[in-house]
Amino acid sequence: MKKLIIGAFMLMGAISFSQDNGYFFGGLESNSQWLVPDDKIGFDTPEDRFRSNNYFQFNYSLGKFTAGVQYEAYLPTVLLGYSPTWENQNGIGTYYLNFKNETLDVTGGYFYEQFGSGLILRTWEDRQLGINNALKGLRVKFTPTANLDITGVYGQVRNGFDVSEGVMQGLDANLDLSGLMKVDAVDLKLGASYVGRYQSNGANDSIPANINAYGGRLDFVAKNFYGGVEAITKDPDVLVNEGEVSSPQLFDGTALQVNLGYAQKGLGINSTFRRLENFSFYADRYAEGNVYNEQIVNYVPALTKQHDYLLSNIYVYNAQPRLLFDDTEKRAGEVGTQVDVYYSFDKESFFGKFGTKLAGNFSYWAGLEATYNVAEQTYDAKFIGDGSRYFRDLNIEIKNRWSSKWSSVATFQDVIIDKGVTEGGPLGIQGDIRAQIAVIEATRRFEGGKALRMELQHLWIDKSRKNVDRKNWAAGVLEYNFSSALTLYAADAWNYEGEGKIHYYSFGGSYSKGSARFALNYGRQRGGLICVGGVCRFVPENTGLTANLVVTF
């Protein structure tokens, strides 16, 4: 470890060395926990009380070439709630060499790529979720004209400090039809994708070694209107549950997503419809359904509003694309829609001198209606049907600037969620939970960049239902910005009707200087789903001190 630290400082020192034709860039991120026992929430301190995830990225660019390496250390052990794959590990996580000119972009090593919306392929890194499914291999992008680009990928998906058993390959093409036909009235783009996985089936010929997915998409913009459609089909494959093949039958998969929207000054409307049937895709067939999103190939986020508040993040939705059916649980995928409406009032209106913004959102997601024959291991799903409701959210948000010093945000949300979604258990069996959440946020600005932000929140549970969960909550946040560099806060989410009447308190702050930011907080972490961009992971309840350091150069 000492040699690694010395080496890191030597690399940092090299940054200051001037290069006529090249430059260094990168960053350091360190996230650490010190866990403490807490009888109130039943948290027993694990053996490793100190935990830390650390990332050091170092890149160098010279002319048309760029190279980089990322060192990672999960020492003495990984943060709570992250995959055991990272437990007590450290080493070079990723590295790459890239060449790029006007028509050719070639990367060898680890790389990230997305085809279309990501439904068929997306590799990305999200350190907060513990996801890094970079492909290790070769990526070539060819742009012969301004109206056409073709991308090819080949490699294996990252799995901890190793790679997946399955080998991935893919092709993606994008054609600007409007540019090709020299049409200005409509912006029309066409895309097509192919992604394949090869994984040895050993001596079992009933398991296909090659699984391929094919997709096409069409997007348009016509004056104030825009939209698109993407459709994908995946070859029949075995059904895997908890790392074991659960059915001798082979099942294909499909995905369909349609977007429509309208935008003009002061008004925006956006809608999305999506249907997924047996449409999860992993680089290893036996990784299907793992709770850490390891070796996942495609990007299937929950298409719902991403809320920012303590109580509105209790009952969040996690996409359900899998096919499962046995004596305990039966589901074939999901179907649903999301609609967003944005409206900006004129300044000097009834609502205030500086203007008001209104945002409304509705989302509804359900399981596909299907009939199942468990004995013969077959099923038949309708295109939409009347499947079990998994999630429904109706919310409205009003943002207002009352003066140059005062602004406010008022939010109301009515949410219904299947208890199996929020707890990670069987779906459509345990009943659902209904809650209403109200939030009032106010910000007061002062001279010299100072500001005070206050939040008051309340969550009401519908107690007439069978599953009332933890009943009502109240929450508050107080944050003071001494300047653009220094911020302190205190927050508490109080489950005042639940068992134990627990306070999930937290207090801390952050300090920034130049390209460095340090944050420190202490408190209780409520257990449940933590989501970023519609992708979620489960975290257990815990109490402790958390520190975060980010330095970029």
Protein backbone atom coordinates (compact mmCIF):
# COMPACT_ATOMS: atom_id res chain seq x y z
CA MET A 1 0.00 0.00 0.00
CA LYS A 2 2.86 2.39 0.79
CA LYS A 3 4.31 1.94 -2.70
CA LEU A 4 0.90 2.60 -4.23
CA ILE A 5 0.51 5.85 -2.28
CA ILE A 6 4.00 7.03 -3.26
CA GLY A 7 3.26 6.17 -6.88
CA ALA A 8 0.02 8.16 -6.78
CA PHE A 9 1.85 11.24 -5.49
CA MET A 10 4.50 10.88 -8.19
CA LEU A 11 1.74 10.81 -10.82
CA MET A 12 0.13 13.89 -9.30
CA GLY A 13 3.46 15.65 -9.38
CA ALA A 14 3.90 14.82 -13.04
CA ILE A 15 0.77 16.77 -13.85
CA SER A 16 2.54 20.06 -13.27
CA PHE A 17 5.14 19.18 -15.91
CA SER A 18 4.32 21.17 -19.05
CA GLN A 19 3.96 19.40 -22.39
CA ASP A 20 3.98 21.35 -25.67
CA ASN A 21 1.67 19.00 -27.55
CA GLY A 22 -0.17 17.08 -24.82
CA TYR A 23 -1.89 17.41 -21.48
CA PHE A 24 -2.84 15.36 -18.44
CA PHE A 25 -6.34 15.13 -16.94
CA GLY A 26 -8.15 12.91 -14.48
CA GLY A 27 -9.32 12.85 -10.91
CA LEU A 28 -9.44 11.24 -7.48
CA GLU A 29 -12.61 10.16 -5.69
CA SER A 30 -12.69 8.65 -2.21
CA ASN A 31 -15.86 7.52 -0.39
CA SER A 32 -15.47 6.18 3.16
CA GLN A 33 -17.67 5.00 6.04
CA TRP A 34 -17.11 4.49 9.76
CA LEU A 35 -20.02 2.38 11.00
CA VAL A 36 -21.31 2.44 14.58
CA PRO A 37 -23.77 0.08 16.33
CA ASP A 38 -27.35 1.34 16.64
CA ASP A 39 -29.83 -0.69 18.69
CA LYS A 40 -32.70 1.61 17.70
CA ILE A 41 -32.66 0.29 14.11
CA GLY A 42 -31.23 -3.12 15.00
CA PHE A 43 -27.89 -2.44 13.32
CA ASP A 44 -25.03 -4.58 14.62
CA THR A 45 -21.65 -3.24 13.60
CA PRO A 46 -19.92 -5.56 11.13
CA GLU A 47 -16.37 -6.72 11.79
CA ASP A 48 -14.97 -4.15 9.35
CA ARG A 49 -16.29 -0.87 10.75
CA PHE A 50 -14.18 1.21 8.38
CA ARG A 51 -14.99 0.81 4.70
CA SER A 52 -13.78 2.73 1.68
CA ASN A 53 -14.23 2.86 -2.12
CA ASN A 54 -11.47 4.79 -3.90
CA TYR A 55 -10.89 5.67 -7.57
CA PHE A 56 -7.90 7.37 -9.16
CA GLN A 57 -8.14 8.13 -12.88
CA PHE A 58 -5.18 9.34 -14.90
CA ASN A 59 -5.31 10.25 -18.60
CA TYR A 60 -2.91 11.74 -21.12
CA SER A 61 -3.84 13.24 -24.49
CA LEU A 62 -1.35 13.89 -27.27
CA GLY A 63 -2.60 14.93 -30.67
CA LYS A 64 -5.00 12.28 -31.97
CA PHE A 65 -4.13 9.79 -29.22
CA THR A 66 -5.52 9.56 -25.68
CA ALA A 67 -4.60 6.96 -23.07
CA GLY A 68 -5.85 6.39 -19.56
CA VAL A 69 -5.87 4.13 -16.55
CA GLN A 70 -8.11 3.86 -13.47
CA TYR A 71 -6.82 2.44 -10.21
CA GLU A 72 -9.42 1.32 -7.67
CA ALA A 73 -9.15 0.27 -4.02
CA TYR A 74 -11.95 -1.19 -1.90
CA LEU A 75 -9.95 -1.39 1.29
CA PRO A 76 -10.10 -2.62 3.96
CA THR A 77 -13.49 -3.60 2.50
CA VAL A 78 -16.21 -2.31 0.18
CA LEU A 79 -18.90 0.15 1.28
CA LEU A 80 -22.03 -1.33 2.83
CA GLY A 81 -24.62 -2.39 0.25
CA TYR A 82 -22.13 -2.90 -2.61
CA SER A 83 -21.40 -6.24 -4.27
CA PRO A 84 -19.10 -8.67 -2.40
CA THR A 85 -17.23 -8.95 -5.73
CA TRP A 86 -15.28 -5.83 -4.69
CA GLU A 87 -14.60 -7.06 -1.14
CA ASN A 88 -11.02 -6.28 -0.03
CA GLN A 89 -9.89 -5.75 -3.63
CA ASN A 90 -7.56 -3.23 -5.25
CA GLY A 91 -5.76 -2.86 -8.55
CA ILE A 92 -6.02 -1.46 -12.06
CA GLY A 93 -9.74 -1.43 -12.84
CA THR A 94 -9.74 -0.08 -16.39
CA TYR A 95 -7.28 1.13 -19.03
CA TYR A 96 -7.59 2.25 -22.64
CA LEU A 97 -5.83 3.69 -25.68
CA ASN A 98 -7.84 5.78 -28.14
CA PHE A 99 -7.10 7.15 -31.62
CA LYS A 100 -9.49 9.68 -33.14
CA ASN A 101 -9.57 11.75 -36.32
CA GLU A 102 -12.34 13.15 -38.54
CA THR A 103 -13.63 9.78 -39.75
CA LEU A 104 -12.19 7.11 -37.44
CA ASP A 105 -12.47 6.61 -33.67
CA VAL A 106 -10.72 3.46 -32.35
CA THR A 107 -10.43 2.37 -28.70
CA GLY A 108 -8.60 -0.66 -27.32
CA GLY A 109 -8.88 -1.78 -23.70
CA TYR A 110 -11.89 -0.84 -21.59
CA PHE A 111 -14.54 1.41 -23.09
CA TYR A 112 -18.13 2.59 -22.66
CA GLU A 113 -20.73 2.53 -25.43
CA GLN A 114 -24.45 3.00 -25.99
CA PHE A 115 -26.60 1.92 -28.93
CA GLY A 116 -29.78 3.97 -29.34
CA SER A 117 -31.51 4.62 -26.02
CA GLY A 118 -29.46 1.85 -24.41
CA LEU A 119 -32.27 -0.71 -24.43
CA ILE A 120 -30.11 -3.10 -26.45
CA LEU A 121 -26.65 -2.04 -25.20
CA ARG A 122 -25.27 0.42 -22.70
CA THR A 123 -22.05 0.15 -20.74
CA TRP A 124 -21.43 2.82 -18.12
CA GLU A 125 -19.97 3.59 -14.71
CA ASP A 126 -21.99 4.82 -11.73
CA ARG A 127 -19.95 4.79 -8.54
CA GLN A 128 -22.93 5.64 -6.33
CA LEU A 129 -24.68 2.47 -7.51
CA GLY A 130 -21.53 0.35 -7.72
CA ILE A 131 -22.00 -0.26 -11.46
CA ASN A 132 -19.11 -0.52 -13.92
CA ASN A 133 -19.92 -2.79 -16.84
CA ALA A 134 -17.25 -1.47 -19.23
CA LEU A 135 -16.42 -3.67 -22.21
CA LYS A 136 -12.83 -4.90 -22.45
CA GLY A 137 -11.87 -5.35 -26.07
CA LEU A 138 -12.06 -3.22 -29.21
CA ARG A 139 -14.40 -0.42 -30.30
CA VAL A 140 -14.30 1.12 -33.80
CA LYS A 141 -16.50 4.00 -34.93
CA PHE A 142 -16.43 5.00 -38.61
CA THR A 143 -18.00 8.24 -39.84
CA PRO A 144 -17.57 8.32 -43.63
CA THR A 145 -19.98 11.25 -44.08
CA ALA A 146 -21.83 13.74 -41.92
CA ASN A 147 -25.00 11.69 -42.44
CA LEU A 148 -23.73 8.22 -41.49
CA ASP A 149 -21.82 6.60 -38.66
CA ILE A 150 -21.16 2.92 -37.96
CA THR A 151 -19.87 1.50 -34.66
CA GLY A 152 -18.56 -1.99 -33.98
CA VAL A 153 -17.69 -3.45 -30.56
CA TYR A 154 -16.13 -6.72 -29.44
CA GLY A 155 -15.13 -7.77 -25.95
CA GLN A 156 -16.10 -9.02 -22.51
CA VAL A 157 -18.03 -7.12 -19.85
CA ARG A 158 -16.17 -6.14 -16.71
CA ASN A 159 -17.01 -8.16 -13.59
CA GLY A 160 -15.10 -6.81 -10.60
CA PHE A 161 -11.40 -6.98 -11.51
CA ASP A 162 -12.15 -9.78 -13.97
CA VAL A 163 -14.36 -10.07 -17.06
CA SER A 164 -17.50 -12.00 -17.94
CA GLU A 165 -17.43 -15.53 -19.30
CA GLY A 166 -19.62 -14.44 -22.20
CA VAL A 167 -18.10 -12.62 -25.18
CA MET A 168 -20.08 -9.70 -26.61
CA GLN A 169 -20.12 -8.32 -30.12
CA GLY A 170 -22.21 -5.59 -31.66
CA LEU A 171 -22.85 -3.30 -34.61
CA ASP A 172 -24.72 -0.01 -34.64
CA ALA A 173 -25.53 2.30 -37.56
CA ASN A 174 -27.10 5.76 -37.60
CA LEU A 175 -28.34 7.48 -40.75
CA ASP A 176 -29.46 11.11 -40.97
CA LEU A 177 -32.22 10.79 -43.56
CA SER A 178 -32.99 14.52 -43.62
CA GLY A 179 -29.38 15.40 -44.34
CA LEU A 180 -29.11 12.69 -46.97
CA MET A 181 -32.27 13.84 -48.76
CA LYS A 182 -31.58 17.55 -48.05
CA VAL A 183 -34.95 18.02 -46.33
CA ASP A 184 -35.20 20.93 -43.88
CA ALA A 185 -38.84 20.68 -42.79
CA VAL A 186 -38.30 17.47 -40.80
CA ASP A 187 -35.26 16.17 -38.95
CA LEU A 188 -35.45 12.40 -39.51
CA LYS A 189 -32.91 9.88 -38.18
CA LEU A 190 -32.84 6.10 -38.66
CA GLY A 191 -30.86 3.63 -36.56
CA ALA A 192 -30.24 -0.13 -36.45
CA SER A 193 -28.40 -2.26 -33.88
CA TYR A 194 -27.18 -5.80 -33.37
CA VAL A 195 -25.76 -7.23 -30.13
CA GLY A 196 -24.69 -10.84 -29.66
CA ARG A 197 -23.36 -12.94 -26.80
CA TYR A 198 -21.36 -16.13 -27.12
CA GLN A 199 -21.02 -18.28 -24.00
CA SER A 200 -20.00 -21.92 -23.99
CA ASN A 201 -22.78 -24.34 -23.10
CA GLY A 202 -20.37 -27.13 -22.21
CA ALA A 203 -21.90 -30.47 -23.11
CA ASN A 204 -25.49 -29.26 -22.75
CA ASP A 205 -26.77 -28.75 -26.32
CA SER A 206 -30.19 -27.69 -25.02
CA ILE A 207 -28.64 -24.37 -23.92
CA PRO A 208 -27.90 -22.06 -26.88
CA ALA A 209 -24.32 -20.81 -26.96
CA ASN A 210 -25.18 -17.79 -29.12
CA ILE A 211 -27.87 -15.29 -28.16
CA ASN A 212 -28.49 -12.34 -30.48
CA ALA A 213 -30.61 -9.20 -30.21
CA TYR A 214 -31.69 -7.01 -33.14
CA GLY A 215 -33.19 -3.54 -32.97
CA GLY A 216 -34.30 -0.62 -35.09
CA ARG A 217 -35.33 2.96 -34.30
CA LEU A 218 -36.70 6.05 -36.00
CA ASP A 219 -36.61 9.56 -34.51
CA PHE A 220 -38.08 12.81 -35.85
CA VAL A 221 -38.33 16.51 -35.07
CA ALA A 222 -40.93 18.56 -36.99
CA LYS A 223 -41.25 22.18 -35.83
CA ASN A 224 -42.54 21.94 -32.25
CA PHE A 225 -43.17 18.19 -32.33
CA TYR A 226 -40.68 15.39 -31.72
CA GLY A 227 -40.79 11.68 -31.13
CA GLY A 228 -39.35 8.28 -31.84
CA VAL A 229 -39.92 4.56 -31.78
CA GLU A 230 -37.47 1.76 -30.94
CA ALA A 231 -38.20 -1.97 -31.23
CA ILE A 232 -35.92 -4.88 -30.26
CA THR A 233 -36.17 -8.66 -30.35
CA LYS A 234 -33.89 -11.13 -28.53
CA ASP A 235 -33.26 -14.79 -29.43
CA PRO A 236 -34.86 -17.55 -27.34
CA ASP A 237 -32.75 -18.36 -24.28
CA VAL A 238 -32.99 -20.44 -21.12
CA LEU A 239 -34.71 -19.07 -18.04
CA VAL A 240 -32.35 -18.51 -15.12
CA ASN A 241 -33.32 -17.79 -11.51
CA GLU A 242 -30.84 -17.35 -8.65
CA GLY A 243 -27.96 -18.64 -10.76
CA GLU A 244 -29.67 -21.87 -11.87
CA VAL A 245 -31.49 -22.80 -15.08
CA SER A 246 -35.11 -22.95 -13.96
CA SER A 247 -36.78 -24.17 -17.15
CA PRO A 248 -35.82 -26.54 -19.99
CA GLN A 249 -37.81 -24.35 -22.39
CA LEU A 250 -36.36 -21.45 -24.40
CA PHE A 251 -38.06 -18.02 -24.31
CA ASP A 252 -37.50 -15.06 -26.62
CA GLY A 253 -37.65 -11.42 -25.50
CA THR A 254 -39.00 -8.18 -26.94
CA ALA A 255 -38.87 -4.46 -26.17
CA LEU A 256 -40.85 -1.56 -27.59
CA GLN A 257 -40.49 2.10 -26.64
CA VAL A 258 -42.38 5.04 -28.14
CA ASN A 259 -41.72 8.72 -27.32
CA LEU A 260 -43.87 11.69 -28.35
CA GLY A 261 -43.48 15.31 -27.33
CA TYR A 262 -44.29 18.94 -28.00
CA ALA A 263 -42.24 21.99 -27.02
CA GLN A 264 -42.64 25.72 -27.41
CA LYS A 265 -41.69 28.74 -25.35
CA GLY A 266 -43.19 28.26 -21.90
CA LEU A 267 -44.76 24.85 -22.61
CA GLY A 268 -43.43 21.32 -22.87
CA ILE A 269 -45.22 17.96 -23.06
CA ASN A 270 -43.37 14.66 -23.18
CA SER A 271 -44.78 11.13 -23.13
CA THR A 272 -43.22 7.67 -23.20
CA PHE A 273 -44.76 4.24 -23.66
CA ARG A 274 -42.66 1.13 -23.07
CA ARG A 275 -43.37 -2.59 -23.14
CA LEU A 276 -40.77 -5.15 -22.00
CA GLU A 277 -41.29 -8.90 -22.19
CA ASN A 278 -38.53 -11.16 -20.87
CA PHE A 279 -36.06 -8.44 -21.73
CA SER A 280 -33.12 -8.48 -19.38
CA PHE A 281 -29.75 -9.15 -21.04
CA TYR A 282 -26.56 -10.19 -19.24
CA ALA A 283 -23.04 -11.02 -20.39
CA ASP A 284 -23.27 -14.23 -18.36
CA ARG A 285 -26.53 -16.18 -18.50
CA TYR A 286 -26.14 -17.15 -14.84
CA ALA A 287 -25.93 -13.51 -13.72
CA GLU A 288 -29.60 -13.01 -14.60
CA GLY A 289 -31.46 -11.08 -11.92
CA ASN A 290 -28.54 -10.42 -9.56
CA VAL A 291 -29.37 -7.53 -7.21
CA TYR A 292 -26.14 -5.61 -7.95
CA ASN A 293 -26.73 -5.17 -11.72
CA GLU A 294 -23.43 -6.96 -12.39
CA GLN A 295 -22.60 -7.98 -15.99
CA ILE A 296 -25.77 -6.32 -17.26
CA VAL A 297 -25.64 -5.46 -20.97
CA ASN A 298 -28.71 -3.32 -21.58
CA TYR A 299 -30.05 -0.21 -19.85
CA VAL A 300 -33.60 -0.50 -18.52
CA PRO A 301 -34.23 2.43 -16.15
CA ALA A 302 -37.51 3.05 -14.38
CA LEU A 303 -39.36 5.63 -16.48
CA THR A 304 -40.79 7.67 -13.61
CA LYS A 305 -40.09 11.09 -12.15
CA GLN A 306 -36.80 11.15 -10.26
CA HIS A 307 -37.64 12.81 -6.93
CA ASP A 308 -35.14 14.78 -4.84
CA TYR A 309 -36.63 14.75 -1.34
CA LEU A 310 -36.20 12.48 1.70
CA LEU A 311 -39.78 11.22 1.87
CA SER A 312 -40.55 11.14 -1.86
CA ASN A 313 -37.64 8.71 -2.26
CA ILE A 314 -39.09 6.08 0.08
CA TYR A 315 -41.47 4.46 -2.43
CA VAL A 316 -39.55 4.41 -5.71
CA TYR A 317 -40.00 2.12 -8.68
CA ASN A 318 -37.46 -0.30 -10.11
CA ALA A 319 -38.06 -1.59 -13.67
CA GLN A 320 -39.32 -5.20 -13.90
CA PRO A 321 -38.34 -6.65 -17.31
CA ARG A 322 -37.81 -10.29 -16.23
CA LEU A 323 -39.78 -13.45 -16.95
CA LEU A 324 -40.39 -15.62 -13.88
CA PHE A 325 -43.03 -18.23 -13.24
CA ASP A 326 -43.22 -20.99 -10.68
CA ASP A 327 -45.49 -21.90 -7.78
CA THR A 328 -44.45 -18.75 -5.89
CA GLU A 329 -44.39 -15.95 -8.45
CA LYS A 330 -45.52 -15.35 -12.01
CA ARG A 331 -44.52 -12.36 -14.15
CA ALA A 332 -43.54 -11.83 -17.77
CA GLY A 333 -42.29 -8.23 -17.86
CA GLU A 334 -43.79 -4.76 -17.60
CA VAL A 335 -45.83 -2.28 -19.61
CA GLY A 336 -46.57 1.32 -18.83
CA THR A 337 -46.33 4.98 -19.61
CA GLN A 338 -45.01 8.28 -18.30
CA VAL A 339 -46.26 11.79 -19.16
CA ASP A 340 -44.56 15.07 -18.21
CA VAL A 341 -46.06 18.54 -18.62
CA TYR A 342 -44.08 21.76 -18.05
CA TYR A 343 -45.50 25.28 -18.12
CA SER A 344 -43.83 28.62 -17.39
CA PHE A 345 -46.02 31.60 -16.48
CA ASP A 346 -45.13 35.06 -17.70
CA LYS A 347 -43.22 37.32 -15.35
CA GLU A 348 -45.25 39.86 -13.41
CA SER A 349 -48.08 37.29 -13.19
CA PHE A 350 -50.48 36.61 -10.34
CA PHE A 351 -47.98 34.09 -8.94
CA GLY A 352 -45.08 36.49 -8.54
CA LYS A 353 -42.86 39.14 -10.01
CA PHE A 354 -40.09 36.89 -11.34
CA GLY A 355 -42.10 34.08 -12.89
CA THR A 356 -43.54 30.71 -11.93
CA LYS A 357 -42.86 27.23 -13.32
CA LEU A 358 -45.35 24.39 -13.12
CA ALA A 359 -44.45 20.72 -13.67
CA GLY A 360 -46.80 17.76 -13.60
CA ASN A 361 -45.97 14.07 -13.98
CA PHE A 362 -48.00 10.87 -14.27
CA SER A 363 -46.55 7.36 -14.53
CA TYR A 364 -48.20 3.95 -14.45
CA TRP A 365 -46.46 0.56 -14.66
CA ALA A 366 -47.98 -2.89 -14.54
CA GLY A 367 -47.09 -6.47 -15.21
CA LEU A 368 -48.05 -8.00 -18.53
CA GLU A 369 -51.32 -9.90 -18.41
CA ALA A 370 -50.43 -13.53 -19.16
CA THR A 371 -51.56 -17.11 -18.68
CA TYR A 372 -49.03 -19.58 -17.29
CA ASN A 373 -48.71 -23.35 -17.41
CA VAL A 374 -46.16 -24.14 -14.72
CA ALA A 375 -46.31 -27.88 -15.34
CA GLU A 376 -45.39 -27.55 -19.01
CA GLN A 377 -43.29 -24.41 -18.48
CA THR A 378 -45.13 -22.31 -21.05
CA TYR A 379 -46.86 -18.94 -20.96
CA ASP A 380 -48.79 -16.60 -23.23
CA ALA A 381 -48.72 -12.83 -22.68
CA LYS A 382 -51.03 -10.16 -24.10
CA PHE A 383 -49.61 -7.05 -25.69
CA ILE A 384 -50.96 -4.87 -22.85
CA GLY A 385 -53.89 -6.56 -21.10
CA ASP A 386 -54.85 -5.99 -17.49
CA GLY A 387 -51.87 -7.14 -15.47
CA SER A 388 -51.13 -6.47 -11.82
CA ARG A 389 -50.35 -2.84 -11.06
CA TYR A 390 -46.75 -2.40 -9.91
CA PHE A 391 -46.56 1.38 -9.58
CA ARG A 392 -48.59 4.56 -10.08
CA ASP A 393 -47.34 8.07 -9.41
CA LEU A 394 -49.19 11.37 -9.83
CA ASN A 395 -47.32 14.50 -8.77
CA ILE A 396 -47.24 18.25 -9.29
CA GLU A 397 -44.49 20.77 -8.59
CA ILE A 398 -44.69 24.59 -8.47
CA LYS A 399 -41.48 26.63 -8.51
CA ASN A 400 -41.74 30.34 -7.83
CA ARG A 401 -39.36 33.29 -7.41
CA TRP A 402 -41.15 35.81 -5.23
CA SER A 403 -38.34 38.35 -5.29
CA SER A 404 -34.63 38.55 -5.89
CA LYS A 405 -34.13 37.12 -2.38
CA TRP A 406 -36.96 34.60 -1.92
CA SER A 407 -37.89 31.51 -3.94
CA SER A 408 -39.99 28.46 -3.16
CA VAL A 409 -40.91 24.98 -4.37
CA ALA A 410 -44.17 23.23 -3.47
CA THR A 411 -44.63 19.53 -4.34
CA PHE A 412 -47.47 17.07 -3.87
CA GLN A 413 -47.25 13.38 -4.79
CA ASP A 414 -49.77 10.55 -4.70
CA VAL A 415 -48.07 7.17 -5.13
CA ILE A 416 -49.19 3.53 -5.15
CA ILE A 417 -46.54 0.78 -5.20
CA ASP A 418 -46.62 -3.01 -5.04
CA LYS A 419 -45.06 -4.06 -1.76
CA GLY A 420 -42.87 -6.59 -3.56
CA VAL A 421 -41.24 -3.78 -5.59
CA THR A 422 -40.27 -1.68 -2.60
CA GLU A 423 -39.08 -4.68 -0.54
CA GLY A 424 -37.58 -6.77 -3.34
CA GLY A 425 -39.97 -9.69 -2.81
CA PRO A 426 -42.51 -11.49 -5.01
CA LEU A 427 -44.69 -9.14 -7.08
CA GLY A 428 -48.48 -9.07 -7.25
CA ILE A 429 -48.90 -11.14 -4.08
CA GLN A 430 -48.40 -8.98 -0.98
CA GLY A 431 -50.75 -6.15 -1.93
CA ASP A 432 -49.80 -2.52 -2.41
CA ILE A 433 -49.00 0.62 -0.42
CA ARG A 434 -50.55 4.04 -1.06
CA ALA A 435 -49.02 7.25 0.21
CA GLN A 436 -49.32 11.01 -0.27
CA ILE A 437 -46.29 13.24 0.18
CA ALA A 438 -46.30 17.02 0.54
CA VAL A 439 -43.14 19.13 0.44
CA ILE A 440 -42.58 22.86 0.92
CA GLU A 441 -39.11 24.22 0.19
CA ALA A 442 -38.02 27.85 0.62
CA THR A 443 -34.71 29.56 -0.11
CA ARG A 444 -33.59 32.95 1.22
CA ARG A 445 -30.56 34.54 -0.47
CA PHE A 446 -28.29 37.04 1.27
CA GLU A 447 -25.42 39.24 0.26
CA GLY A 448 -22.01 37.72 -0.46
CA GLY A 449 -23.33 34.44 -1.88
CA LYS A 450 -24.94 33.35 1.40
CA ALA A 451 -28.23 31.44 1.34
CA LEU A 452 -30.57 29.58 3.69
CA ARG A 453 -32.67 26.67 2.40
CA MET A 454 -35.51 25.06 4.40
CA GLU A 455 -37.67 22.00 3.70
CA LEU A 456 -40.77 20.70 5.45
CA GLN A 457 -42.14 17.31 4.35
CA HIS A 458 -44.90 14.93 5.36
CA LEU A 459 -45.92 11.45 4.17
CA TRP A 460 -49.38 10.03 4.84
CA ILE A 461 -50.04 6.31 4.49
CA ASP A 462 -53.47 5.02 3.47
CA LYS A 463 -54.19 2.95 6.58
CA SER A 464 -57.32 1.36 5.13
CA ARG A 465 -55.21 -0.94 2.99
CA LYS A 466 -53.96 -4.33 4.06
CA ASN A 467 -50.30 -3.28 3.96
CA VAL A 468 -49.84 0.03 5.74
CA ASP A 469 -46.07 -0.46 5.93
CA ARG A 470 -44.42 1.93 8.41
CA LYS A 471 -47.29 4.45 8.55
CA ASN A 472 -46.73 8.22 8.62
CA TRP A 473 -43.51 10.20 8.34
CA ALA A 474 -42.42 13.82 8.87
CA ALA A 475 -39.15 15.34 7.71
CA GLY A 476 -37.24 18.59 7.72
CA VAL A 477 -34.02 19.93 6.21
CA LEU A 478 -32.10 23.08 7.09
CA GLU A 479 -29.14 24.06 4.91
CA TYR A 480 -26.98 27.17 5.09
CA ASN A 481 -24.50 28.24 2.42
CA PHE A 482 -21.87 30.47 3.99
CA SER A 483 -20.50 30.98 0.48
CA SER A 484 -20.22 29.06 -2.79
CA ALA A 485 -17.47 27.06 -1.05
CA LEU A 486 -18.91 26.14 2.37
CA THR A 487 -22.27 24.52 3.14
CA LEU A 488 -23.66 23.01 6.37
CA TYR A 489 -26.93 21.11 6.79
CA ALA A 490 -29.09 19.18 9.26
CA ALA A 491 -31.90 16.81 8.26
CA ASP A 492 -34.30 14.41 9.94
CA ALA A 493 -36.88 11.95 8.58
CA TRP A 494 -39.09 10.85 11.50
CA ASN A 495 -41.19 7.71 11.19
CA TYR A 496 -43.38 8.95 14.03
CA GLU A 497 -46.10 6.27 13.71
CA GLY A 498 -43.90 3.32 12.85
CA GLU A 499 -42.55 0.71 15.22
CA GLY A 500 -39.94 2.39 17.41
CA LYS A 501 -40.81 5.89 16.11
CA ILE A 502 -37.34 6.20 14.60
CA HIS A 503 -35.54 9.41 13.62
CA TYR A 504 -33.36 9.01 10.53
CA TYR A 505 -31.22 12.04 11.25
CA SER A 506 -28.21 13.35 9.36
CA PHE A 507 -25.99 16.40 9.65
CA GLY A 508 -22.81 17.52 7.95
CA GLY A 509 -21.48 19.78 5.24
CA SER A 510 -19.14 20.27 2.33
CA TYR A 511 -16.22 22.53 1.46
CA SER A 512 -14.95 23.27 -2.05
CA LYS A 513 -11.76 24.94 -3.14
CA GLY A 514 -10.74 25.10 -6.76
CA SER A 515 -11.19 21.65 -8.27
CA ALA A 516 -11.44 19.88 -4.89
CA ARG A 517 -14.53 19.16 -2.80
CA PHE A 518 -14.72 17.49 0.62
CA ALA A 519 -17.98 16.42 2.30
CA LEU A 520 -18.56 14.92 5.76
CA ASN A 521 -21.78 13.78 7.40
CA TYR A 522 -23.01 11.63 10.27
CA GLY A 523 -26.38 9.95 10.62
CA ARG A 524 -28.74 7.05 10.07
CA GLN A 525 -29.34 5.59 6.61
CA ARG A 526 -32.88 4.39 5.96
CA GLY A 527 -32.86 0.95 4.34
CA GLY A 528 -34.44 0.35 0.95
CA LEU A 529 -33.92 1.27 -2.69
CA ILE A 530 -31.39 3.94 -3.63
CA CYS A 531 -31.90 5.04 -7.26
CA VAL A 532 -29.84 7.10 -9.69
CA GLY A 533 -31.30 7.83 -13.11
CA GLY A 534 -33.97 5.17 -12.66
CA VAL A 535 -31.52 2.36 -11.80
CA CYS A 536 -31.59 1.15 -8.20
CA ARG A 537 -29.76 -0.87 -5.58
CA PHE A 538 -30.83 -2.01 -2.13
CA VAL A 539 -29.02 -0.67 0.93
CA PRO A 540 -29.41 -1.97 4.49
CA GLU A 541 -30.17 0.34 7.39
CA ASN A 542 -27.01 1.59 9.08
CA THR A 543 -25.55 4.38 11.18
CA GLY A 544 -22.16 6.01 10.88
CA LEU A 545 -19.84 8.69 9.61
CA THR A 546 -19.42 9.18 5.85
CA ALA A 547 -16.68 11.15 4.09
CA ASN A 548 -16.34 12.02 0.41
CA LEU A 549 -13.38 13.62 -1.37
CA VAL A 550 -13.35 14.55 -5.06
CA VAL A 551 -10.39 16.16 -6.83
CA THR A 552 -10.27 16.81 -10.57
CA PHE A 553 -7.37 18.04 -12.67
